[in-house]
Amino acid sequence: MAKYWNTAATTDPRPSGRLLLCALVLIPLGVSARDLSQDEALALTEQGHIVPLQVFVNDALQRFPGRLLEAELELDDDRYIYEIEVVTRTRRVMELEYDAVTGDLLDVEEDD
């Protein structure tokens, strides 16, 4: 019986179950989030689908006075997320994540 399985494994052109499982696990990992362009963000704001960026920048700077470093809008698992980075007056870099639809603050981290 072992000889049969070894022969089948070398002559059968179909992918093994293990290979197929690995492919199915890896495919979703690469497509969970994507950055949106400025044009896409503007269109979503004008259509009323997301809160304007300035609201989040103002909130981030109120929480951590300093200056804006970067702002990104991404679509992550069908959810619009703003990532706002600010540098504080004490030179700490803070990253805040907001739900772009509800305005909720989701996470705050200090970058290294």
PDB file of N, CA and C in Angstrom:
ATOM      1  N   MET A   1       0.822  -1.185   0.000  1.00  0.00           N
ATOM      2  CA  MET A   1       0.000   0.000   0.000  1.00  0.00           C
ATOM      3  C   MET A   1       0.869   1.253   0.000  1.00  0.00           C
ATOM      4  N   ALA A   2       1.959   1.292   0.750  1.00  0.00           N
ATOM      5  CA  ALA A   2       2.828   2.458   0.748  1.00  0.00           C
ATOM      6  C   ALA A   2       3.375   2.709  -0.638  1.00  0.00           C
ATOM      7  N   LYS A   3       3.680   1.652  -1.363  1.00  0.00           N
ATOM      8  CA  LYS A   3       4.201   1.800  -2.715  1.00  0.00           C
ATOM      9  C   LYS A   3       3.154   2.460  -3.614  1.00  0.00           C
ATOM     10  N   TYR A   4       1.896   2.098  -3.459  1.00  0.00           N
ATOM     11  CA  TYR A   4       0.830   2.701  -4.248  1.00  0.00           C
ATOM     12  C   TYR A   4       0.763   4.208  -4.017  1.00  0.00           C
ATOM     13  N   TRP A   5       0.814   4.633  -2.763  1.00  0.00           N
ATOM     14  CA  TRP A   5       0.723   6.065  -2.473  1.00  0.00           C
ATOM     15  C   TRP A   5       1.922   6.835  -3.012  1.00  0.00           C
ATOM     16  N   ASN A   6       3.116   6.262  -2.908  1.00  0.00           N
ATOM     17  CA  ASN A   6       4.299   6.933  -3.449  1.00  0.00           C
ATOM     18  C   ASN A   6       4.189   7.094  -4.956  1.00  0.00           C
ATOM     19  N   THR A   7       3.715   6.077  -5.633  1.00  0.00           N
ATOM     20  CA  THR A   7       3.555   6.148  -7.076  1.00  0.00           C
ATOM     21  C   THR A   7       2.496   7.176  -7.448  1.00  0.00           C
ATOM     22  N   ALA A   8       1.385   7.169  -6.753  1.00  0.00           N
ATOM     23  CA  ALA A   8       0.306   8.109  -7.059  1.00  0.00           C
ATOM     24  C   ALA A   8       0.759   9.544  -6.836  1.00  0.00           C
ATOM     25  N   ALA A   9       1.537   9.759  -5.805  1.00  0.00           N
ATOM     26  CA  ALA A   9       1.981  11.121  -5.489  1.00  0.00           C
ATOM     27  C   ALA A   9       2.910  11.662  -6.565  1.00  0.00           C
ATOM     28  N   THR A  10       3.692  10.810  -7.202  1.00  0.00           N
ATOM     29  CA  THR A  10       4.641  11.292  -8.199  1.00  0.00           C
ATOM     30  C   THR A  10       4.022  11.390  -9.583  1.00  0.00           C
ATOM     31  N   THR A  11       2.944  10.653  -9.857  1.00  0.00           N
ATOM     32  CA  THR A  11       2.366  10.680 -11.194  1.00  0.00           C
ATOM     33  C   THR A  11       1.084  11.495 -11.286  1.00  0.00           C
ATOM     34  N   ASP A  12       0.461  11.779 -10.181  1.00  0.00           N
ATOM     35  CA  ASP A  12      -0.793  12.532 -10.180  1.00  0.00           C
ATOM     36  C   ASP A  12      -0.486  14.016 -10.356  1.00  0.00           C
ATOM     37  N   PRO A  13      -0.965  14.658 -11.458  1.00  0.00           N
ATOM     38  CA  PRO A  13      -0.655  16.067 -11.706  1.00  0.00           C
ATOM     39  C   PRO A  13      -1.443  17.040 -10.825  1.00  0.00           C
ATOM     40  N   ARG A  14      -2.448  16.561 -10.105  1.00  0.00           N
ATOM     41  CA  ARG A  14      -3.244  17.443  -9.258  1.00  0.00           C
ATOM     42  C   ARG A  14      -2.442  17.858  -8.034  1.00  0.00           C
ATOM     43  N   PRO A  15      -2.651  19.094  -7.543  1.00  0.00           N
ATOM     44  CA  PRO A  15      -1.931  19.521  -6.335  1.00  0.00           C
ATOM     45  C   PRO A  15      -2.376  18.710  -5.136  1.00  0.00           C
ATOM     46  N   SER A  16      -1.457  18.479  -4.237  1.00  0.00           N
ATOM     47  CA  SER A  16      -1.791  17.742  -3.016  1.00  0.00           C
ATOM     48  C   SER A  16      -2.709  18.604  -2.153  1.00  0.00           C
ATOM     49  N   GLY A  17      -3.408  17.960  -1.243  1.00  0.00           N
ATOM     50  CA  GLY A  17      -4.275  18.692  -0.328  1.00  0.00           C
ATOM     51  C   GLY A  17      -3.508  19.694   0.507  1.00  0.00           C
ATOM     52  N   ARG A  18      -2.279  19.350   0.890  1.00  0.00           N
ATOM     53  CA  ARG A  18      -1.465  20.243   1.702  1.00  0.00           C
ATOM     54  C   ARG A  18      -1.103  21.500   0.918  1.00  0.00           C
ATOM     55  N   LEU A  19      -0.730  21.343  -0.351  1.00  0.00           N
ATOM     56  CA  LEU A  19      -0.393  22.494  -1.185  1.00  0.00           C
ATOM     57  C   LEU A  19      -1.608  23.389  -1.376  1.00  0.00           C
ATOM     58  N   LEU A  20      -2.747  22.784  -1.641  1.00  0.00           N
ATOM     59  CA  LEU A  20      -3.969  23.552  -1.831  1.00  0.00           C
ATOM     60  C   LEU A  20      -4.341  24.316  -0.557  1.00  0.00           C
ATOM     61  N   LEU A  21      -4.196  23.681   0.590  1.00  0.00           N
ATOM     62  CA  LEU A  21      -4.495  24.341   1.860  1.00  0.00           C
ATOM     63  C   LEU A  21      -3.569  25.532   2.084  1.00  0.00           C
ATOM     64  N   CYS A  22      -2.281  25.372   1.783  1.00  0.00           N
ATOM     65  CA  CYS A  22      -1.336  26.487   1.926  1.00  0.00           C
ATOM     66  C   CYS A  22      -1.727  27.642   1.020  1.00  0.00           C
ATOM     67  N   ALA A  23      -2.128  27.346  -0.201  1.00  0.00           N
ATOM     68  CA  ALA A  23      -2.520  28.394  -1.132  1.00  0.00           C
ATOM     69  C   ALA A  23      -3.761  29.124  -0.623  1.00  0.00           C
ATOM     70  N   LEU A  24      -4.714  28.404  -0.104  1.00  0.00           N
ATOM     71  CA  LEU A  24      -5.938  29.029   0.393  1.00  0.00           C
ATOM     72  C   LEU A  24      -5.667  29.889   1.614  1.00  0.00           C
ATOM     73  N   VAL A  25      -4.713  29.504   2.440  1.00  0.00           N
ATOM     74  CA  VAL A  25      -4.384  30.292   3.625  1.00  0.00           C
ATOM     75  C   VAL A  25      -3.635  31.555   3.230  1.00  0.00           C
ATOM     76  N   LEU A  26      -2.759  31.491   2.239  1.00  0.00           N
ATOM     77  CA  LEU A  26      -1.938  32.633   1.867  1.00  0.00           C
ATOM     78  C   LEU A  26      -2.680  33.669   1.030  1.00  0.00           C
ATOM     79  N   ILE A  27      -3.615  33.268   0.235  1.00  0.00           N
ATOM     80  CA  ILE A  27      -4.298  34.209  -0.654  1.00  0.00           C
ATOM     81  C   ILE A  27      -4.993  35.326   0.121  1.00  0.00           C
ATOM     82  N   PRO A  28      -5.815  35.039   1.143  1.00  0.00           N
ATOM     83  CA  PRO A  28      -6.498  36.130   1.826  1.00  0.00           C
ATOM     84  C   PRO A  28      -5.572  37.071   2.575  1.00  0.00           C
ATOM     85  N   LEU A  29      -4.388  36.615   2.969  1.00  0.00           N
ATOM     86  CA  LEU A  29      -3.501  37.472   3.750  1.00  0.00           C
ATOM     87  C   LEU A  29      -3.033  38.681   2.961  1.00  0.00           C
ATOM     88  N   GLY A  30      -2.889  38.565   1.653  1.00  0.00           N
ATOM     89  CA  GLY A  30      -2.360  39.656   0.861  1.00  0.00           C
ATOM     90  C   GLY A  30      -3.388  40.677   0.422  1.00  0.00           C
ATOM     91  N   VAL A  31      -4.666  40.447   0.642  1.00  0.00           N
ATOM     92  CA  VAL A  31      -5.674  41.348   0.100  1.00  0.00           C
ATOM     93  C   VAL A  31      -6.584  41.943   1.163  1.00  0.00           C
ATOM     94  N   SER A  32      -6.177  41.933   2.409  1.00  0.00           N
ATOM     95  CA  SER A  32      -7.091  42.399   3.449  1.00  0.00           C
ATOM     96  C   SER A  32      -7.192  43.918   3.523  1.00  0.00           C
ATOM     97  N   ALA A  33      -6.148  44.658   3.120  1.00  0.00           N
ATOM     98  CA  ALA A  33      -6.188  46.121   3.226  1.00  0.00           C
ATOM     99  C   ALA A  33      -5.546  46.751   2.005  1.00  0.00           C
ATOM    100  N   ARG A  34      -6.087  47.907   1.622  1.00  0.00           N
ATOM    101  CA  ARG A  34      -5.460  48.655   0.530  1.00  0.00           C
ATOM    102  C   ARG A  34      -5.595  50.139   0.818  1.00  0.00           C
ATOM    103  N   ASP A  35      -4.542  50.885   0.456  1.00  0.00           N
ATOM    104  CA  ASP A  35      -4.572  52.339   0.612  1.00  0.00           C
ATOM    105  C   ASP A  35      -5.432  52.946  -0.475  1.00  0.00           C
ATOM    106  N   LEU A  36      -6.204  53.956  -0.123  1.00  0.00           N
ATOM    107  CA  LEU A  36      -7.029  54.657  -1.100  1.00  0.00           C
ATOM    108  C   LEU A  36      -6.298  55.908  -1.563  1.00  0.00           C
ATOM    109  N   SER A  37      -6.545  56.278  -2.799  1.00  0.00           N
ATOM    110  CA  SER A  37      -5.918  57.478  -3.358  1.00  0.00           C
ATOM    111  C   SER A  37      -6.604  58.733  -2.811  1.00  0.00           C
ATOM    112  N   GLN A  38      -5.970  59.876  -3.053  1.00  0.00           N
ATOM    113  CA  GLN A  38      -6.567  61.146  -2.642  1.00  0.00           C
ATOM    114  C   GLN A  38      -7.887  61.380  -3.357  1.00  0.00           C
ATOM    115  N   ASP A  39      -7.954  60.995  -4.619  1.00  0.00           N
ATOM    116  CA  ASP A  39      -9.201  61.167  -5.373  1.00  0.00           C
ATOM    117  C   ASP A  39     -10.325  60.313  -4.794  1.00  0.00           C
ATOM    118  N   GLU A  40     -10.001  59.079  -4.408  1.00  0.00           N
ATOM    119  CA  GLU A  40     -11.014  58.211  -3.810  1.00  0.00           C
ATOM    120  C   GLU A  40     -11.485  58.779  -2.468  1.00  0.00           C
ATOM    121  N   ALA A  41     -10.542  59.265  -1.661  1.00  0.00           N
ATOM    122  CA  ALA A  41     -10.898  59.844  -0.360  1.00  0.00           C
ATOM    123  C   ALA A  41     -11.781  61.071  -0.535  1.00  0.00           C
ATOM    124  N   LEU A  42     -11.435  61.927  -1.500  1.00  0.00           N
ATOM    125  CA  LEU A  42     -12.231  63.122  -1.750  1.00  0.00           C
ATOM    126  C   LEU A  42     -13.647  62.754  -2.198  1.00  0.00           C
ATOM    127  N   ALA A  43     -13.755  61.783  -3.094  1.00  0.00           N
ATOM    128  CA  ALA A  43     -15.077  61.362  -3.581  1.00  0.00           C
ATOM    129  C   ALA A  43     -15.918  60.796  -2.437  1.00  0.00           C
ATOM    130  N   LEU A  44     -15.318  59.970  -1.587  1.00  0.00           N
ATOM    131  CA  LEU A  44     -16.057  59.394  -0.453  1.00  0.00           C
ATOM    132  C   LEU A  44     -16.516  60.483   0.520  1.00  0.00           C
ATOM    133  N   THR A  45     -15.670  61.494   0.719  1.00  0.00           N
ATOM    134  CA  THR A  45     -16.030  62.611   1.604  1.00  0.00           C
ATOM    135  C   THR A  45     -17.162  63.424   1.000  1.00  0.00           C
ATOM    136  N   GLU A  46     -17.038  63.773  -0.280  1.00  0.00           N
ATOM    137  CA  GLU A  46     -18.066  64.581  -0.942  1.00  0.00           C
ATOM    138  C   GLU A  46     -19.402  63.861  -1.009  1.00  0.00           C
ATOM    139  N   GLN A  47     -19.375  62.542  -1.102  1.00  0.00           N
ATOM    140  CA  GLN A  47     -20.612  61.757  -1.148  1.00  0.00           C
ATOM    141  C   GLN A  47     -21.190  61.500   0.237  1.00  0.00           C
ATOM    142  N   GLY A  48     -20.473  61.940   1.273  1.00  0.00           N
ATOM    143  CA  GLY A  48     -20.959  61.779   2.640  1.00  0.00           C
ATOM    144  C   GLY A  48     -20.749  60.395   3.224  1.00  0.00           C
ATOM    145  N   HIS A  49     -19.909  59.585   2.586  1.00  0.00           N
ATOM    146  CA  HIS A  49     -19.670  58.226   3.084  1.00  0.00           C
ATOM    147  C   HIS A  49     -18.688  58.205   4.253  1.00  0.00           C
ATOM    148  N   ILE A  50     -17.751  59.161   4.288  1.00  0.00           N
ATOM    149  CA  ILE A  50     -16.772  59.220   5.369  1.00  0.00           C
ATOM    150  C   ILE A  50     -16.684  60.639   5.915  1.00  0.00           C
ATOM    151  N   VAL A  51     -16.201  60.756   7.127  1.00  0.00           N
ATOM    152  CA  VAL A  51     -16.007  62.044   7.789  1.00  0.00           C
ATOM    153  C   VAL A  51     -14.772  62.714   7.160  1.00  0.00           C
ATOM    154  N   PRO A  52     -14.788  64.028   6.975  1.00  0.00           N
ATOM    155  CA  PRO A  52     -13.629  64.713   6.385  1.00  0.00           C
ATOM    156  C   PRO A  52     -12.361  64.518   7.214  1.00  0.00           C
ATOM    157  N   LEU A  53     -11.251  64.415   6.528  1.00  0.00           N
ATOM    158  CA  LEU A  53      -9.947  64.200   7.154  1.00  0.00           C
ATOM    159  C   LEU A  53      -9.633  65.236   8.223  1.00  0.00           C
ATOM    160  N   GLN A  54      -9.965  66.493   7.977  1.00  0.00           N
ATOM    161  CA  GLN A  54      -9.604  67.564   8.911  1.00  0.00           C
ATOM    162  C   GLN A  54     -10.158  67.326  10.311  1.00  0.00           C
ATOM    163  N   VAL A  55     -11.306  66.684  10.415  1.00  0.00           N
ATOM    164  CA  VAL A  55     -11.896  66.369  11.723  1.00  0.00           C
ATOM    165  C   VAL A  55     -10.940  65.486  12.520  1.00  0.00           C
ATOM    166  N   PHE A  56     -10.348  64.504  11.849  1.00  0.00           N
ATOM    167  CA  PHE A  56      -9.442  63.570  12.529  1.00  0.00           C
ATOM    168  C   PHE A  56      -8.097  64.219  12.840  1.00  0.00           C
ATOM    169  N   VAL A  57      -7.616  65.040  11.938  1.00  0.00           N
ATOM    170  CA  VAL A  57      -6.361  65.756  12.183  1.00  0.00           C
ATOM    171  C   VAL A  57      -6.525  66.657  13.397  1.00  0.00           C
ATOM    172  N   ASN A  58      -7.627  67.397  13.456  1.00  0.00           N
ATOM    173  CA  ASN A  58      -7.881  68.280  14.602  1.00  0.00           C
ATOM    174  C   ASN A  58      -7.936  67.489  15.908  1.00  0.00           C
ATOM    175  N   ASP A  59      -8.618  66.347  15.895  1.00  0.00           N
ATOM    176  CA  ASP A  59      -8.734  65.530  17.096  1.00  0.00           C
ATOM    177  C   ASP A  59      -7.369  64.989  17.524  1.00  0.00           C
ATOM    178  N   ALA A  60      -6.593  64.498  16.563  1.00  0.00           N
ATOM    179  CA  ALA A  60      -5.270  63.945  16.870  1.00  0.00           C
ATOM    180  C   ALA A  60      -4.359  65.012  17.479  1.00  0.00           C
ATOM    181  N   LEU A  61      -4.402  66.216  16.899  1.00  0.00           N
ATOM    182  CA  LEU A  61      -3.544  67.299  17.399  1.00  0.00           C
ATOM    183  C   LEU A  61      -4.030  67.853  18.739  1.00  0.00           C
ATOM    184  N   GLN A  62      -5.304  67.725  19.008  1.00  0.00           N
ATOM    185  CA  GLN A  62      -5.811  68.126  20.315  1.00  0.00           C
ATOM    186  C   GLN A  62      -5.331  67.125  21.375  1.00  0.00           C
ATOM    187  N   ARG A  63      -5.343  65.860  21.040  1.00  0.00           N
ATOM    188  CA  ARG A  63      -4.889  64.827  21.975  1.00  0.00           C
ATOM    189  C   ARG A  63      -3.376  64.868  22.185  1.00  0.00           C
ATOM    190  N   PHE A  64      -2.655  65.117  21.086  1.00  0.00           N
ATOM    191  CA  PHE A  64      -1.189  65.118  21.104  1.00  0.00           C
ATOM    192  C   PHE A  64      -0.695  66.359  20.365  1.00  0.00           C
ATOM    193  N   PRO A  65      -0.624  67.501  21.062  1.00  0.00           N
ATOM    194  CA  PRO A  65      -0.193  68.742  20.407  1.00  0.00           C
ATOM    195  C   PRO A  65       1.178  68.576  19.753  1.00  0.00           C
ATOM    196  N   GLY A  66       1.262  69.082  18.544  1.00  0.00           N
ATOM    197  CA  GLY A  66       2.487  68.979  17.756  1.00  0.00           C
ATOM    198  C   GLY A  66       2.171  69.308  16.310  1.00  0.00           C
ATOM    199  N   ARG A  67       2.617  68.431  15.403  1.00  0.00           N
ATOM    200  CA  ARG A  67       2.307  68.664  13.987  1.00  0.00           C
ATOM    201  C   ARG A  67       2.025  67.353  13.271  1.00  0.00           C
ATOM    202  N   LEU A  68       1.273  67.460  12.211  1.00  0.00           N
ATOM    203  CA  LEU A  68       0.900  66.309  11.403  1.00  0.00           C
ATOM    204  C   LEU A  68       2.095  65.821  10.598  1.00  0.00           C
ATOM    205  N   LEU A  69       2.329  64.522  10.632  1.00  0.00           N
ATOM    206  CA  LEU A  69       3.370  63.918   9.795  1.00  0.00           C
ATOM    207  C   LEU A  69       2.788  63.262   8.556  1.00  0.00           C
ATOM    208  N   GLU A  70       1.715  62.492   8.761  1.00  0.00           N
ATOM    209  CA  GLU A  70       1.165  61.717   7.652  1.00  0.00           C
ATOM    210  C   GLU A  70      -0.285  61.354   7.941  1.00  0.00           C
ATOM    211  N   ALA A  71      -1.059  61.236   6.878  1.00  0.00           N
ATOM    212  CA  ALA A  71      -2.437  60.767   6.991  1.00  0.00           C
ATOM    213  C   ALA A  71      -2.723  59.839   5.821  1.00  0.00           C
ATOM    214  N   GLU A  72      -3.320  58.702   6.125  1.00  0.00           N
ATOM    215  CA  GLU A  72      -3.679  57.726   5.096  1.00  0.00           C
ATOM    216  C   GLU A  72      -5.095  57.239   5.337  1.00  0.00           C
ATOM    217  N   LEU A  73      -5.776  56.963   4.246  1.00  0.00           N
ATOM    218  CA  LEU A  73      -7.077  56.318   4.314  1.00  0.00           C
ATOM    219  C   LEU A  73      -6.933  54.958   3.663  1.00  0.00           C
ATOM    220  N   GLU A  74      -7.357  53.919   4.387  1.00  0.00           N
ATOM    221  CA  GLU A  74      -7.300  52.588   3.787  1.00  0.00           C
ATOM    222  C   GLU A  74      -8.621  51.864   3.979  1.00  0.00           C
ATOM    223  N   LEU A  75      -8.846  50.934   3.085  1.00  0.00           N
ATOM    224  CA  LEU A  75     -10.007  50.063   3.173  1.00  0.00           C
ATOM    225  C   LEU A  75      -9.502  48.738   3.716  1.00  0.00           C
ATOM    226  N   ASP A  76      -9.920  48.403   4.926  1.00  0.00           N
ATOM    227  CA  ASP A  76      -9.439  47.205   5.605  1.00  0.00           C
ATOM    228  C   ASP A  76     -10.642  46.371   6.020  1.00  0.00           C
ATOM    229  N   ASP A  77     -10.787  45.201   5.402  1.00  0.00           N
ATOM    230  CA  ASP A  77     -11.926  44.317   5.688  1.00  0.00           C
ATOM    231  C   ASP A  77     -13.260  45.062   5.578  1.00  0.00           C
ATOM    232  N   ASP A  78     -13.436  45.769   4.473  1.00  0.00           N
ATOM    233  CA  ASP A  78     -14.666  46.520   4.191  1.00  0.00           C
ATOM    234  C   ASP A  78     -14.932  47.646   5.197  1.00  0.00           C
ATOM    235  N   ARG A  79     -13.883  48.151   5.816  1.00  0.00           N
ATOM    236  CA  ARG A  79     -14.008  49.238   6.789  1.00  0.00           C
ATOM    237  C   ARG A  79     -13.007  50.328   6.411  1.00  0.00           C
ATOM    238  N   TYR A  80     -13.481  51.576   6.322  1.00  0.00           N
ATOM    239  CA  TYR A  80     -12.600  52.698   6.017  1.00  0.00           C
ATOM    240  C   TYR A  80     -11.907  53.146   7.300  1.00  0.00           C
ATOM    241  N   ILE A  81     -10.573  53.155   7.265  1.00  0.00           N
ATOM    242  CA  ILE A  81      -9.762  53.496   8.430  1.00  0.00           C
ATOM    243  C   ILE A  81      -8.809  54.625   8.066  1.00  0.00           C
ATOM    244  N   TYR A  82      -8.821  55.690   8.882  1.00  0.00           N
ATOM    245  CA  TYR A  82      -7.812  56.744   8.749  1.00  0.00           C
ATOM    246  C   TYR A  82      -6.676  56.427   9.710  1.00  0.00           C
ATOM    247  N   GLU A  83      -5.452  56.496   9.203  1.00  0.00           N
ATOM    248  CA  GLU A  83      -4.264  56.404  10.052  1.00  0.00           C
ATOM    249  C   GLU A  83      -3.609  57.783  10.047  1.00  0.00           C
ATOM    250  N   ILE A  84      -3.524  58.386  11.218  1.00  0.00           N
ATOM    251  CA  ILE A  84      -2.971  59.727  11.371  1.00  0.00           C
ATOM    252  C   ILE A  84      -1.702  59.621  12.211  1.00  0.00           C
ATOM    253  N   GLU A  85      -0.594  60.153  11.700  1.00  0.00           N
ATOM    254  CA  GLU A  85       0.651  60.206  12.470  1.00  0.00           C
ATOM    255  C   GLU A  85       0.967  61.651  12.799  1.00  0.00           C
ATOM    256  N   VAL A  86       1.258  61.882  14.073  1.00  0.00           N
ATOM    257  CA  VAL A  86       1.660  63.216  14.518  1.00  0.00           C
ATOM    258  C   VAL A  86       2.965  63.093  15.306  1.00  0.00           C
ATOM    259  N   VAL A  87       3.743  64.158  15.271  1.00  0.00           N
ATOM    260  CA  VAL A  87       4.919  64.231  16.129  1.00  0.00           C
ATOM    261  C   VAL A  87       4.596  65.271  17.188  1.00  0.00           C
ATOM    262  N   THR A  88       4.771  64.873  18.443  1.00  0.00           N
ATOM    263  CA  THR A  88       4.418  65.761  19.552  1.00  0.00           C
ATOM    264  C   THR A  88       5.530  66.775  19.787  1.00  0.00           C
ATOM    265  N   ARG A  89       5.234  67.729  20.633  1.00  0.00           N
ATOM    266  CA  ARG A  89       6.240  68.740  20.977  1.00  0.00           C
ATOM    267  C   ARG A  89       7.437  68.130  21.694  1.00  0.00           C
ATOM    268  N   THR A  90       7.239  66.949  22.280  1.00  0.00           N
ATOM    269  CA  THR A  90       8.338  66.246  22.949  1.00  0.00           C
ATOM    270  C   THR A  90       8.982  65.195  22.028  1.00  0.00           C
ATOM    271  N   ARG A  91       8.687  65.304  20.727  1.00  0.00           N
ATOM    272  CA  ARG A  91       9.278  64.460  19.671  1.00  0.00           C
ATOM    273  C   ARG A  91       8.864  62.992  19.715  1.00  0.00           C
ATOM    274  N   ARG A  92       7.722  62.731  20.289  1.00  0.00           N
ATOM    275  CA  ARG A  92       7.159  61.381  20.235  1.00  0.00           C
ATOM    276  C   ARG A  92       6.302  61.294  18.972  1.00  0.00           C
ATOM    277  N   VAL A  93       6.408  60.181  18.255  1.00  0.00           N
ATOM    278  CA  VAL A  93       5.581  59.975  17.065  1.00  0.00           C
ATOM    279  C   VAL A  93       4.417  59.077  17.468  1.00  0.00           C
ATOM    280  N   MET A  94       3.223  59.612  17.314  1.00  0.00           N
ATOM    281  CA  MET A  94       2.014  58.889  17.698  1.00  0.00           C
ATOM    282  C   MET A  94       1.203  58.551  16.449  1.00  0.00           C
ATOM    283  N   GLU A  95       0.688  57.325  16.416  1.00  0.00           N
ATOM    284  CA  GLU A  95      -0.188  56.907  15.322  1.00  0.00           C
ATOM    285  C   GLU A  95      -1.566  56.638  15.898  1.00  0.00           C
ATOM    286  N   LEU A  96      -2.547  57.317  15.327  1.00  0.00           N
ATOM    287  CA  LEU A  96      -3.926  57.154  15.757  1.00  0.00           C
ATOM    288  C   LEU A  96      -4.722  56.560  14.609  1.00  0.00           C
ATOM    289  N   GLU A  97      -5.576  55.611  14.915  1.00  0.00           N
ATOM    290  CA  GLU A  97      -6.449  55.017  13.904  1.00  0.00           C
ATOM    291  C   GLU A  97      -7.892  55.354  14.242  1.00  0.00           C
ATOM    292  N   TYR A  98      -8.599  55.811  13.214  1.00  0.00           N
ATOM    293  CA  TYR A  98     -10.002  56.200  13.364  1.00  0.00           C
ATOM    294  C   TYR A  98     -10.857  55.451  12.356  1.00  0.00           C
ATOM    295  N   ASP A  99     -12.083  55.136  12.761  1.00  0.00           N
ATOM    296  CA  ASP A  99     -13.073  54.643  11.818  1.00  0.00           C
ATOM    297  C   ASP A  99     -13.539  55.855  11.028  1.00  0.00           C
ATOM    298  N   ALA A 100     -13.314  55.861   9.724  1.00  0.00           N
ATOM    299  CA  ALA A 100     -13.605  57.029   8.899  1.00  0.00           C
ATOM    300  C   ALA A 100     -15.102  57.264   8.703  1.00  0.00           C
ATOM    301  N   VAL A 101     -15.916  56.267   8.995  1.00  0.00           N
ATOM    302  CA  VAL A 101     -17.366  56.410   8.833  1.00  0.00           C
ATOM    303  C   VAL A 101     -18.005  56.925  10.116  1.00  0.00           C
ATOM    304  N   THR A 102     -17.657  56.318  11.242  1.00  0.00           N
ATOM    305  CA  THR A 102     -18.288  56.683  12.514  1.00  0.00           C
ATOM    306  C   THR A 102     -17.537  57.779  13.256  1.00  0.00           C
ATOM    307  N   GLY A 103     -16.254  57.950  12.956  1.00  0.00           N
ATOM    308  CA  GLY A 103     -15.430  58.917  13.656  1.00  0.00           C
ATOM    309  C   GLY A 103     -14.811  58.378  14.934  1.00  0.00           C
ATOM    310  N   ASP A 104     -15.073  57.130  15.262  1.00  0.00           N
ATOM    311  CA  ASP A 104     -14.550  56.535  16.498  1.00  0.00           C
ATOM    312  C   ASP A 104     -13.031  56.383  16.443  1.00  0.00           C
ATOM    313  N   LEU A 105     -12.382  56.690  17.571  1.00  0.00           N
ATOM    314  CA  LEU A 105     -10.960  56.434  17.723  1.00  0.00           C
ATOM    315  C   LEU A 105     -10.802  54.949  18.032  1.00  0.00           C
ATOM    316  N   LEU A 106     -10.043  54.249  17.191  1.00  0.00           N
ATOM    317  CA  LEU A 106      -9.914  52.808  17.326  1.00  0.00           C
ATOM    318  C   LEU A 106      -8.656  52.376  18.070  1.00  0.00           C
ATOM    319  N   ASP A 107      -7.554  53.120  17.854  1.00  0.00           N
ATOM    320  CA  ASP A 107      -6.288  52.697  18.430  1.00  0.00           C
ATOM    321  C   ASP A 107      -5.317  53.875  18.480  1.00  0.00           C
ATOM    322  N   VAL A 108      -4.449  53.842  19.475  1.00  0.00           N
ATOM    323  CA  VAL A 108      -3.369  54.837  19.601  1.00  0.00           C
ATOM    324  C   VAL A 108      -2.105  54.077  19.938  1.00  0.00           C
ATOM    325  N   GLU A 109      -1.052  54.331  19.163  1.00  0.00           N
ATOM    326  CA  GLU A 109       0.238  53.684  19.421  1.00  0.00           C
ATOM    327  C   GLU A 109       1.355  54.709  19.286  1.00  0.00           C
ATOM    328  N   GLU A 110       2.402  54.486  20.053  1.00  0.00           N
ATOM    329  CA  GLU A 110       3.603  55.291  19.887  1.00  0.00           C
ATOM    330  C   GLU A 110       4.545  54.536  18.964  1.00  0.00           C
ATOM    331  N   ASP A 111       4.971  55.182  17.868  1.00  0.00           N
ATOM    332  CA  ASP A 111       5.911  54.550  16.939  1.00  0.00           C
ATOM    333  C   ASP A 111       7.309  54.601  17.517  1.00  0.00           C
ATOM    334  N   ASP A 112       8.077  53.609  17.168  1.00  0.00           N
ATOM    335  CA  ASP A 112       9.478  53.559  17.614  1.00  0.00           C
ATOM    336  C   ASP A 112      10.376  54.399  16.745  1.00  0.00           C
TER     337      ASP A 112
END
